[in-house]
């Protein structure tokens, strides 16, 4: 199960909105959704979390290139939305067409079996490796400094483990608005 929210910076602080992922089929769709939430081309932070397994942060500043961070790339790569981020961060040339085959509600067909099979394998064998692709690192991936200027240090971002979105929102001063959309 996913929780996703958009935090848009305004002159008066942060505004939060629940990010509706039903129509998101690619990373471009997600970026477009974040840009539409922006007030006067100011900063928008998209936050995605999957049941404390991983979290992702996407920062969009106007028309600049988005910046990304994923807390646990190998865990994220095994989920539909997380794999969009890891592919972007690893520079994968694969098309997003394979997302059309997935049920993007966080419970893909066979997900429980795949997770059980993955954890049952020897830790040294093929951990975090997608067929035909470079290995996905276990641990953080992306730009850990993407929120430094907003009050979330890269050291803090790298060490968050549980209830990540609440901790990030607290550091941003957006706890109340995030909780209102939860």
N, C-alpha and C. Protein backbone atom coordinates (compact mmCIF):
# COMPACT_ATOMS: atom_id res chain seq x y z
N UNK A 1 0.84 -1.17 0.00
CA UNK A 1 0.00 0.00 0.00
C UNK A 1 0.89 1.24 0.00
N UNK A 2 0.55 2.19 -0.81
CA UNK A 2 1.31 3.43 -0.93
C UNK A 2 0.60 4.57 -0.24
N UNK A 3 1.39 5.54 0.21
CA UNK A 3 0.86 6.85 0.58
C UNK A 3 1.70 7.84 -0.20
N UNK A 4 1.04 8.77 -0.83
CA UNK A 4 1.75 9.77 -1.61
C UNK A 4 1.09 11.12 -1.41
N UNK A 5 1.91 12.15 -1.32
CA UNK A 5 1.40 13.51 -1.12
C UNK A 5 2.30 14.50 -1.84
N UNK A 6 1.71 15.62 -2.18
CA UNK A 6 2.45 16.73 -2.77
C UNK A 6 2.48 17.86 -1.76
N UNK A 7 3.65 18.43 -1.55
CA UNK A 7 3.80 19.61 -0.70
C UNK A 7 4.27 20.75 -1.60
N UNK A 8 3.42 21.75 -1.75
CA UNK A 8 3.75 22.90 -2.59
C UNK A 8 4.08 24.08 -1.69
N UNK A 9 5.24 24.69 -1.93
CA UNK A 9 5.65 25.84 -1.14
C UNK A 9 4.95 27.09 -1.67
N UNK A 10 4.44 27.89 -0.73
CA UNK A 10 3.76 29.13 -1.07
C UNK A 10 4.36 30.25 -0.21
N UNK A 11 3.91 31.46 -0.44
CA UNK A 11 4.36 32.58 0.40
C UNK A 11 3.97 32.39 1.86
N UNK A 12 2.88 31.67 2.09
CA UNK A 12 2.36 31.47 3.45
C UNK A 12 2.79 30.17 4.08
N UNK A 13 3.68 29.43 3.45
CA UNK A 13 4.11 28.14 3.99
C UNK A 13 3.86 27.03 2.97
N UNK A 14 3.54 25.87 3.47
CA UNK A 14 3.32 24.71 2.61
C UNK A 14 1.84 24.41 2.47
N UNK A 15 1.45 23.97 1.28
CA UNK A 15 0.11 23.44 1.03
C UNK A 15 0.29 21.98 0.66
N UNK A 16 -0.55 21.13 1.20
CA UNK A 16 -0.44 19.70 0.90
C UNK A 16 -1.68 19.23 0.15
N UNK A 17 -1.45 18.27 -0.71
CA UNK A 17 -2.56 17.60 -1.38
C UNK A 17 -2.23 16.13 -1.51
N UNK A 18 -3.26 15.32 -1.39
CA UNK A 18 -3.11 13.89 -1.57
C UNK A 18 -2.80 13.65 -3.04
N UNK A 19 -1.74 12.95 -3.32
CA UNK A 19 -1.36 12.70 -4.70
C UNK A 19 -2.12 11.47 -5.18
N UNK A 20 -3.00 11.68 -6.12
CA UNK A 20 -3.80 10.59 -6.69
C UNK A 20 -2.94 9.85 -7.72
N UNK A 21 -2.55 8.63 -7.39
CA UNK A 21 -1.65 7.87 -8.24
C UNK A 21 -2.35 7.02 -9.29
N UNK A 22 -3.69 7.04 -9.28
CA UNK A 22 -4.43 6.20 -10.22
C UNK A 22 -4.11 6.50 -11.67
N UNK A 23 -3.87 7.76 -12.00
CA UNK A 23 -3.60 8.13 -13.39
C UNK A 23 -2.12 8.24 -13.71
N UNK A 24 -1.27 7.91 -12.75
CA UNK A 24 0.17 7.99 -12.96
C UNK A 24 0.67 6.67 -13.52
N UNK A 25 1.13 6.72 -14.77
CA UNK A 25 1.65 5.52 -15.42
C UNK A 25 3.13 5.62 -15.73
N UNK A 26 3.70 6.82 -15.54
CA UNK A 26 5.12 7.01 -15.83
C UNK A 26 5.66 8.09 -14.91
N UNK A 27 6.96 8.20 -14.88
CA UNK A 27 7.59 9.24 -14.08
C UNK A 27 7.23 10.62 -14.64
N UNK A 28 7.09 10.73 -15.93
CA UNK A 28 6.68 12.00 -16.55
C UNK A 28 5.31 12.43 -16.05
N UNK A 29 4.38 11.49 -15.89
CA UNK A 29 3.06 11.81 -15.36
C UNK A 29 3.18 12.34 -13.94
N UNK A 30 4.04 11.73 -13.15
CA UNK A 30 4.25 12.16 -11.77
C UNK A 30 4.84 13.57 -11.71
N UNK A 31 5.80 13.85 -12.57
CA UNK A 31 6.41 15.18 -12.62
C UNK A 31 5.37 16.21 -13.06
N UNK A 32 4.57 15.88 -14.06
CA UNK A 32 3.52 16.79 -14.52
C UNK A 32 2.53 17.09 -13.41
N UNK A 33 2.16 16.07 -12.64
CA UNK A 33 1.25 16.24 -11.52
C UNK A 33 1.85 17.20 -10.49
N UNK A 34 3.13 17.05 -10.21
CA UNK A 34 3.81 17.93 -9.25
C UNK A 34 3.85 19.37 -9.79
N UNK A 35 4.14 19.52 -11.06
CA UNK A 35 4.21 20.88 -11.63
C UNK A 35 2.86 21.58 -11.61
N UNK A 36 1.77 20.84 -11.78
CA UNK A 36 0.45 21.47 -11.74
C UNK A 36 0.08 21.91 -10.33
N UNK A 37 0.71 21.32 -9.32
CA UNK A 37 0.44 21.71 -7.93
C UNK A 37 1.25 22.93 -7.51
N UNK A 38 2.23 23.32 -8.31
CA UNK A 38 3.11 24.44 -7.95
C UNK A 38 2.36 25.75 -7.94
N UNK A 39 2.73 26.60 -7.00
CA UNK A 39 2.19 27.95 -6.91
C UNK A 39 3.29 28.89 -7.41
N UNK A 40 3.01 29.60 -8.50
CA UNK A 40 3.98 30.53 -9.08
C UNK A 40 5.33 29.88 -9.36
N UNK A 41 5.33 28.68 -9.89
CA UNK A 41 6.56 27.94 -10.21
C UNK A 41 7.49 27.76 -9.02
N UNK A 42 6.95 27.78 -7.81
CA UNK A 42 7.77 27.56 -6.62
C UNK A 42 7.99 26.05 -6.44
N UNK A 43 8.70 25.69 -5.42
CA UNK A 43 9.09 24.31 -5.14
C UNK A 43 7.89 23.44 -4.80
N UNK A 44 7.90 22.24 -5.36
CA UNK A 44 6.95 21.19 -5.00
C UNK A 44 7.76 19.96 -4.63
N UNK A 45 7.39 19.35 -3.53
CA UNK A 45 8.04 18.12 -3.08
C UNK A 45 6.98 17.02 -3.11
N UNK A 46 7.24 16.01 -3.92
CA UNK A 46 6.37 14.84 -3.97
C UNK A 46 6.98 13.77 -3.07
N UNK A 47 6.16 13.23 -2.19
CA UNK A 47 6.60 12.21 -1.24
C UNK A 47 5.81 10.93 -1.48
N UNK A 48 6.52 9.82 -1.59
CA UNK A 48 5.88 8.52 -1.76
C UNK A 48 6.49 7.57 -0.75
N UNK A 49 5.61 6.79 -0.11
CA UNK A 49 6.09 5.82 0.88
C UNK A 49 5.33 4.52 0.68
N UNK A 50 6.03 3.41 0.76
CA UNK A 50 5.36 2.12 0.71
C UNK A 50 5.62 1.37 2.00
N UNK A 51 4.62 1.39 2.86
CA UNK A 51 4.59 0.61 4.10
C UNK A 51 5.94 0.49 4.80
N UNK A 52 6.62 1.57 5.02
CA UNK A 52 7.91 1.60 5.71
C UNK A 52 8.99 0.75 5.05
N UNK A 53 8.74 0.24 3.83
CA UNK A 53 9.77 -0.51 3.12
C UNK A 53 10.74 0.43 2.42
N UNK A 54 10.22 1.54 1.90
CA UNK A 54 11.04 2.53 1.22
C UNK A 54 10.23 3.82 1.11
N UNK A 55 10.95 4.91 0.89
CA UNK A 55 10.27 6.16 0.58
C UNK A 55 11.05 6.86 -0.52
N UNK A 56 10.34 7.68 -1.25
CA UNK A 56 10.96 8.44 -2.33
C UNK A 56 10.58 9.90 -2.22
N UNK A 57 11.51 10.76 -2.63
CA UNK A 57 11.29 12.20 -2.64
C UNK A 57 11.61 12.70 -4.04
N UNK A 58 10.71 13.47 -4.59
CA UNK A 58 10.93 14.10 -5.89
C UNK A 58 10.75 15.59 -5.68
N UNK A 59 11.75 16.34 -6.07
CA UNK A 59 11.68 17.80 -5.92
C UNK A 59 11.60 18.43 -7.30
N UNK A 60 10.60 19.29 -7.47
CA UNK A 60 10.40 19.99 -8.72
C UNK A 60 10.44 21.49 -8.42
N UNK A 61 11.35 22.19 -9.09
CA UNK A 61 11.48 23.65 -8.94
C UNK A 61 11.22 24.28 -10.31
N UNK A 62 9.99 24.72 -10.53
CA UNK A 62 9.66 25.35 -11.81
C UNK A 62 9.94 24.41 -12.96
N UNK A 63 10.64 24.93 -13.97
CA UNK A 63 10.95 24.14 -15.17
C UNK A 63 12.32 23.46 -15.09
N UNK A 64 13.01 23.58 -13.95
CA UNK A 64 14.29 22.91 -13.79
C UNK A 64 14.09 21.40 -13.79
N UNK A 65 15.17 20.67 -14.07
CA UNK A 65 15.10 19.21 -14.02
C UNK A 65 14.75 18.76 -12.60
N UNK A 66 13.86 17.80 -12.48
CA UNK A 66 13.52 17.27 -11.15
C UNK A 66 14.72 16.59 -10.52
N UNK A 67 14.69 16.53 -9.20
CA UNK A 67 15.72 15.83 -8.43
C UNK A 67 15.03 14.72 -7.65
N UNK A 68 15.75 13.61 -7.45
CA UNK A 68 15.15 12.41 -6.88
C UNK A 68 16.01 11.84 -5.75
N UNK A 69 15.32 11.17 -4.83
CA UNK A 69 15.99 10.41 -3.79
C UNK A 69 15.11 9.23 -3.43
N UNK A 70 15.72 8.06 -3.28
CA UNK A 70 15.01 6.85 -2.85
C UNK A 70 15.78 6.28 -1.66
N UNK A 71 15.06 5.95 -0.60
CA UNK A 71 15.72 5.49 0.63
C UNK A 71 16.33 4.11 0.52
N UNK A 72 15.69 3.21 -0.20
CA UNK A 72 16.18 1.85 -0.35
C UNK A 72 15.89 1.42 -1.79
N UNK A 73 16.87 1.54 -2.63
CA UNK A 73 16.67 1.32 -4.07
C UNK A 73 16.26 -0.12 -4.39
N UNK A 74 16.85 -1.10 -3.75
CA UNK A 74 16.49 -2.48 -4.08
C UNK A 74 15.05 -2.80 -3.67
N UNK A 75 14.60 -2.28 -2.54
CA UNK A 75 13.20 -2.47 -2.15
C UNK A 75 12.27 -1.70 -3.08
N UNK A 76 12.63 -0.48 -3.41
CA UNK A 76 11.80 0.34 -4.29
C UNK A 76 11.70 -0.27 -5.68
N UNK A 77 12.78 -0.86 -6.15
CA UNK A 77 12.79 -1.43 -7.50
C UNK A 77 11.82 -2.59 -7.64
N UNK A 78 11.42 -3.19 -6.53
CA UNK A 78 10.48 -4.31 -6.56
C UNK A 78 9.03 -3.83 -6.53
N UNK A 79 8.82 -2.52 -6.52
CA UNK A 79 7.45 -2.00 -6.54
C UNK A 79 7.26 -1.14 -7.79
N UNK A 80 6.04 -0.97 -8.19
CA UNK A 80 5.76 -0.29 -9.45
C UNK A 80 6.22 1.16 -9.46
N UNK A 81 5.85 1.94 -8.48
CA UNK A 81 6.25 3.36 -8.47
C UNK A 81 7.72 3.51 -8.14
N UNK A 82 8.22 2.70 -7.26
CA UNK A 82 9.63 2.76 -6.93
C UNK A 82 10.52 2.41 -8.10
N UNK A 83 10.09 1.47 -8.93
CA UNK A 83 10.90 1.10 -10.08
C UNK A 83 10.98 2.24 -11.08
N UNK A 84 9.96 3.08 -11.15
CA UNK A 84 10.04 4.26 -12.02
C UNK A 84 11.20 5.15 -11.58
N UNK A 85 11.33 5.33 -10.27
CA UNK A 85 12.40 6.17 -9.73
C UNK A 85 13.78 5.53 -9.90
N UNK A 86 13.89 4.24 -9.59
CA UNK A 86 15.20 3.62 -9.70
C UNK A 86 15.66 3.55 -11.15
N UNK A 87 14.75 3.32 -12.08
CA UNK A 87 15.13 3.32 -13.50
C UNK A 87 15.66 4.69 -13.91
N UNK A 88 15.01 5.75 -13.46
CA UNK A 88 15.46 7.10 -13.78
C UNK A 88 16.83 7.36 -13.17
N UNK A 89 17.02 6.99 -11.92
CA UNK A 89 18.27 7.25 -11.23
C UNK A 89 19.43 6.43 -11.78
N UNK A 90 19.13 5.24 -12.27
CA UNK A 90 20.18 4.39 -12.82
C UNK A 90 20.38 4.61 -14.31
N UNK A 91 19.54 5.49 -14.89
CA UNK A 91 19.68 5.79 -16.31
C UNK A 91 19.22 4.66 -17.21
N UNK A 92 18.26 3.88 -16.75
CA UNK A 92 17.75 2.77 -17.55
C UNK A 92 17.07 3.29 -18.80
N UNK A 93 17.30 2.62 -19.90
CA UNK A 93 16.71 3.02 -21.17
C UNK A 93 15.39 2.31 -21.42
N UNK A 94 14.94 1.48 -20.47
CA UNK A 94 13.71 0.73 -20.66
C UNK A 94 12.52 1.67 -20.76
N UNK A 95 11.55 1.25 -21.53
CA UNK A 95 10.32 2.03 -21.69
C UNK A 95 9.44 1.83 -20.47
N UNK A 96 8.58 2.79 -20.22
CA UNK A 96 7.61 2.66 -19.13
C UNK A 96 6.43 1.79 -19.52
N UNK A 97 6.45 1.20 -20.73
CA UNK A 97 5.33 0.39 -21.19
C UNK A 97 5.05 -0.78 -20.26
N UNK A 98 6.09 -1.31 -19.61
CA UNK A 98 5.86 -2.45 -18.74
C UNK A 98 4.97 -2.09 -17.55
N UNK A 99 4.86 -0.81 -17.21
CA UNK A 99 3.98 -0.41 -16.12
C UNK A 99 2.53 -0.66 -16.45
N UNK A 100 2.19 -0.67 -17.73
CA UNK A 100 0.82 -0.94 -18.13
C UNK A 100 0.38 -2.33 -17.73
N UNK A 101 1.35 -3.24 -17.57
CA UNK A 101 1.03 -4.61 -17.21
C UNK A 101 0.85 -4.79 -15.70
N UNK A 102 1.17 -3.78 -14.91
CA UNK A 102 1.11 -3.90 -13.46
C UNK A 102 -0.17 -3.31 -12.90
N UNK A 103 -0.56 -3.82 -11.77
CA UNK A 103 -1.63 -3.22 -11.00
C UNK A 103 -0.94 -2.26 -10.05
N UNK A 104 -1.08 -0.95 -10.28
CA UNK A 104 -0.28 0.03 -9.56
C UNK A 104 -0.84 0.43 -8.21
N UNK A 105 -1.57 -0.43 -7.55
CA UNK A 105 -2.08 -0.08 -6.23
C UNK A 105 -1.16 -0.57 -5.12
N UNK A 106 -0.01 -1.10 -5.47
CA UNK A 106 0.94 -1.56 -4.46
C UNK A 106 0.81 -3.03 -4.15
N UNK A 107 -0.13 -3.70 -4.79
CA UNK A 107 -0.31 -5.13 -4.56
C UNK A 107 -0.34 -5.83 -5.91
N UNK A 108 0.78 -5.79 -6.61
CA UNK A 108 0.85 -6.42 -7.91
C UNK A 108 0.57 -7.91 -7.77
N UNK A 109 0.04 -8.49 -8.86
CA UNK A 109 -0.21 -9.92 -8.84
C UNK A 109 1.07 -10.66 -8.51
N UNK A 110 1.00 -11.54 -7.53
CA UNK A 110 2.16 -12.33 -7.15
C UNK A 110 3.17 -11.59 -6.30
N UNK A 111 2.84 -10.38 -5.84
CA UNK A 111 3.81 -9.59 -5.08
C UNK A 111 4.26 -10.32 -3.81
N UNK A 112 3.31 -10.92 -3.09
CA UNK A 112 3.67 -11.60 -1.86
C UNK A 112 4.61 -12.77 -2.14
N UNK A 113 4.32 -13.53 -3.22
CA UNK A 113 5.18 -14.66 -3.58
C UNK A 113 6.56 -14.17 -4.00
N UNK A 114 6.60 -13.07 -4.75
CA UNK A 114 7.88 -12.54 -5.22
C UNK A 114 8.73 -12.06 -4.05
N UNK A 115 8.11 -11.40 -3.09
CA UNK A 115 8.85 -10.92 -1.93
C UNK A 115 9.34 -12.10 -1.10
N UNK A 116 8.48 -13.11 -0.92
CA UNK A 116 8.88 -14.29 -0.16
C UNK A 116 10.03 -15.01 -0.86
N UNK A 117 9.95 -15.14 -2.18
CA UNK A 117 11.01 -15.82 -2.92
C UNK A 117 12.30 -15.02 -2.84
N UNK A 118 12.20 -13.71 -2.93
CA UNK A 118 13.39 -12.87 -2.88
C UNK A 118 14.09 -12.99 -1.53
N UNK A 119 13.31 -12.94 -0.45
CA UNK A 119 13.93 -13.00 0.88
C UNK A 119 14.42 -14.40 1.21
N UNK A 120 13.87 -15.42 0.56
CA UNK A 120 14.30 -16.78 0.81
C UNK A 120 15.61 -17.10 0.10
N UNK A 121 15.94 -16.32 -0.94
CA UNK A 121 17.18 -16.56 -1.67
C UNK A 121 18.38 -16.22 -0.81
N UNK A 122 19.51 -16.81 -1.16
CA UNK A 122 20.76 -16.48 -0.52
C UNK A 122 21.04 -15.00 -0.74
N UNK A 123 21.38 -14.28 0.31
CA UNK A 123 21.61 -12.84 0.22
C UNK A 123 22.67 -12.48 -0.80
N UNK A 124 23.60 -13.37 -1.05
CA UNK A 124 24.68 -13.08 -2.00
C UNK A 124 24.27 -13.31 -3.45
N UNK A 125 23.16 -13.97 -3.68
CA UNK A 125 22.78 -14.36 -5.03
C UNK A 125 21.77 -13.39 -5.62
N UNK A 126 22.18 -12.64 -6.62
CA UNK A 126 21.29 -11.80 -7.42
C UNK A 126 20.49 -10.77 -6.64
N UNK A 127 20.94 -10.35 -5.46
CA UNK A 127 20.19 -9.37 -4.69
C UNK A 127 20.14 -8.06 -5.44
N UNK A 128 18.92 -7.57 -5.66
CA UNK A 128 18.74 -6.28 -6.29
C UNK A 128 19.14 -6.25 -7.75
N UNK A 129 19.11 -7.39 -8.44
CA UNK A 129 19.49 -7.41 -9.85
C UNK A 129 18.25 -7.65 -10.69
N UNK A 130 18.00 -6.74 -11.61
CA UNK A 130 16.92 -6.91 -12.58
C UNK A 130 17.50 -7.64 -13.77
N UNK A 131 16.73 -8.53 -14.37
CA UNK A 131 17.25 -9.26 -15.52
C UNK A 131 17.62 -8.28 -16.63
N UNK A 132 18.83 -8.45 -17.15
CA UNK A 132 19.29 -7.63 -18.25
C UNK A 132 19.64 -6.20 -17.87
N UNK A 133 19.77 -5.91 -16.60
CA UNK A 133 20.06 -4.54 -16.17
C UNK A 133 21.19 -4.56 -15.15
N UNK A 134 21.72 -3.38 -14.91
CA UNK A 134 22.77 -3.30 -13.90
C UNK A 134 22.15 -3.49 -12.52
N UNK A 135 22.94 -3.93 -11.55
CA UNK A 135 22.42 -4.18 -10.20
C UNK A 135 21.84 -2.90 -9.57
N UNK A 136 20.79 -3.10 -8.81
CA UNK A 136 20.19 -2.00 -8.06
C UNK A 136 20.78 -2.06 -6.66
N UNK A 137 21.42 -0.98 -6.22
CA UNK A 137 22.07 -1.03 -4.91
C UNK A 137 21.06 -1.15 -3.76
N UNK A 138 21.46 -1.91 -2.75
CA UNK A 138 20.66 -1.97 -1.53
C UNK A 138 21.02 -0.72 -0.74
N UNK A 139 20.06 0.10 -0.47
CA UNK A 139 20.31 1.33 0.26
C UNK A 139 19.91 2.54 -0.55
N UNK A 140 20.27 3.73 -0.08
CA UNK A 140 19.84 4.98 -0.71
C UNK A 140 20.39 5.16 -2.12
N UNK A 141 19.61 5.88 -2.93
CA UNK A 141 20.01 6.18 -4.29
C UNK A 141 19.46 7.55 -4.65
N UNK A 142 20.23 8.34 -5.32
CA UNK A 142 19.78 9.66 -5.76
C UNK A 142 20.52 10.78 -5.06
N UNK A 143 19.87 11.93 -5.00
CA UNK A 143 20.47 13.15 -4.46
C UNK A 143 20.02 13.37 -3.01
N UNK A 144 20.84 12.98 -2.03
CA UNK A 144 20.42 13.15 -0.63
C UNK A 144 20.39 14.62 -0.19
N UNK A 145 20.94 15.52 -0.99
CA UNK A 145 20.98 16.94 -0.64
C UNK A 145 19.80 17.73 -1.22
N UNK A 146 18.82 17.05 -1.83
CA UNK A 146 17.76 17.76 -2.50
C UNK A 146 16.87 18.58 -1.58
N UNK A 147 16.91 18.33 -0.27
CA UNK A 147 16.09 19.10 0.66
C UNK A 147 16.93 19.90 1.66
N UNK A 148 18.25 19.92 1.48
CA UNK A 148 19.13 20.64 2.41
C UNK A 148 18.68 22.07 2.65
N UNK A 149 18.37 22.80 1.58
CA UNK A 149 18.00 24.22 1.71
C UNK A 149 16.59 24.42 2.28
N UNK A 150 15.84 23.33 2.44
CA UNK A 150 14.48 23.43 2.97
C UNK A 150 14.39 22.97 4.42
N UNK A 151 15.53 22.57 5.00
CA UNK A 151 15.53 22.19 6.41
C UNK A 151 15.69 20.72 6.70
N UNK A 152 15.84 19.89 5.67
CA UNK A 152 16.08 18.46 5.86
C UNK A 152 17.49 18.18 5.36
N UNK A 153 18.41 17.98 6.29
CA UNK A 153 19.80 17.77 5.91
C UNK A 153 19.96 16.42 5.22
N UNK A 154 21.01 16.32 4.43
CA UNK A 154 21.28 15.06 3.74
C UNK A 154 21.57 13.94 4.75
N UNK A 155 22.20 14.28 5.86
CA UNK A 155 22.47 13.27 6.89
C UNK A 155 21.16 12.75 7.48
N UNK A 156 20.24 13.66 7.73
CA UNK A 156 18.94 13.27 8.27
C UNK A 156 18.19 12.40 7.26
N UNK A 157 18.18 12.81 6.01
CA UNK A 157 17.46 12.07 4.97
C UNK A 157 18.02 10.65 4.83
N UNK A 158 19.32 10.51 4.95
CA UNK A 158 19.96 9.21 4.79
C UNK A 158 19.69 8.26 5.96
N UNK A 159 19.30 8.79 7.12
CA UNK A 159 19.12 7.94 8.29
C UNK A 159 17.67 7.72 8.68
N UNK A 160 16.74 8.35 8.00
CA UNK A 160 15.32 8.14 8.31
C UNK A 160 14.96 6.70 7.97
N UNK A 161 14.25 6.04 8.89
CA UNK A 161 13.84 4.67 8.57
C UNK A 161 12.34 4.44 8.71
N UNK A 162 11.73 4.83 9.77
CA UNK A 162 10.30 4.59 9.96
C UNK A 162 9.55 5.91 9.94
N UNK A 163 8.34 5.88 9.43
CA UNK A 163 7.47 7.05 9.33
C UNK A 163 8.19 8.23 8.70
N UNK A 164 8.83 7.94 7.58
CA UNK A 164 9.70 8.90 6.90
C UNK A 164 8.97 10.17 6.50
N UNK A 165 7.79 10.03 5.94
CA UNK A 165 7.10 11.22 5.44
C UNK A 165 6.74 12.17 6.57
N UNK A 166 6.38 11.66 7.72
CA UNK A 166 6.08 12.52 8.86
C UNK A 166 7.33 13.24 9.35
N UNK A 167 8.46 12.53 9.37
CA UNK A 167 9.70 13.16 9.81
C UNK A 167 10.16 14.24 8.83
N UNK A 168 10.02 13.99 7.54
CA UNK A 168 10.37 14.99 6.54
C UNK A 168 9.45 16.20 6.67
N UNK A 169 8.15 15.94 6.79
CA UNK A 169 7.19 17.04 6.91
C UNK A 169 7.46 17.88 8.15
N UNK A 170 7.83 17.23 9.25
CA UNK A 170 8.15 17.97 10.48
C UNK A 170 9.34 18.91 10.25
N UNK A 171 10.37 18.41 9.59
CA UNK A 171 11.55 19.23 9.33
C UNK A 171 11.25 20.38 8.37
N UNK A 172 10.31 20.16 7.45
CA UNK A 172 9.91 21.20 6.52
C UNK A 172 8.95 22.21 7.15
N UNK A 173 8.40 21.85 8.31
CA UNK A 173 7.38 22.70 8.93
C UNK A 173 6.02 22.50 8.31
N UNK A 174 5.78 21.28 7.80
CA UNK A 174 4.54 20.99 7.08
C UNK A 174 3.75 19.84 7.71
N UNK A 175 3.99 19.56 8.97
CA UNK A 175 3.34 18.42 9.62
C UNK A 175 1.82 18.53 9.59
N UNK A 176 1.29 19.67 9.96
CA UNK A 176 -0.16 19.84 10.03
C UNK A 176 -0.82 19.66 8.67
N UNK A 177 -0.22 20.26 7.62
CA UNK A 177 -0.85 20.14 6.30
C UNK A 177 -0.73 18.73 5.75
N UNK A 178 0.36 18.03 6.06
CA UNK A 178 0.50 16.65 5.60
C UNK A 178 -0.50 15.75 6.32
N UNK A 179 -0.62 15.91 7.61
CA UNK A 179 -1.57 15.10 8.38
C UNK A 179 -3.01 15.34 7.94
N UNK A 180 -3.30 16.53 7.47
CA UNK A 180 -4.66 16.83 7.00
C UNK A 180 -5.04 16.02 5.76
N UNK A 181 -4.06 15.62 4.96
CA UNK A 181 -4.37 14.83 3.77
C UNK A 181 -4.16 13.33 3.96
N UNK A 182 -3.61 12.94 5.10
CA UNK A 182 -3.40 11.51 5.37
C UNK A 182 -4.69 10.80 5.61
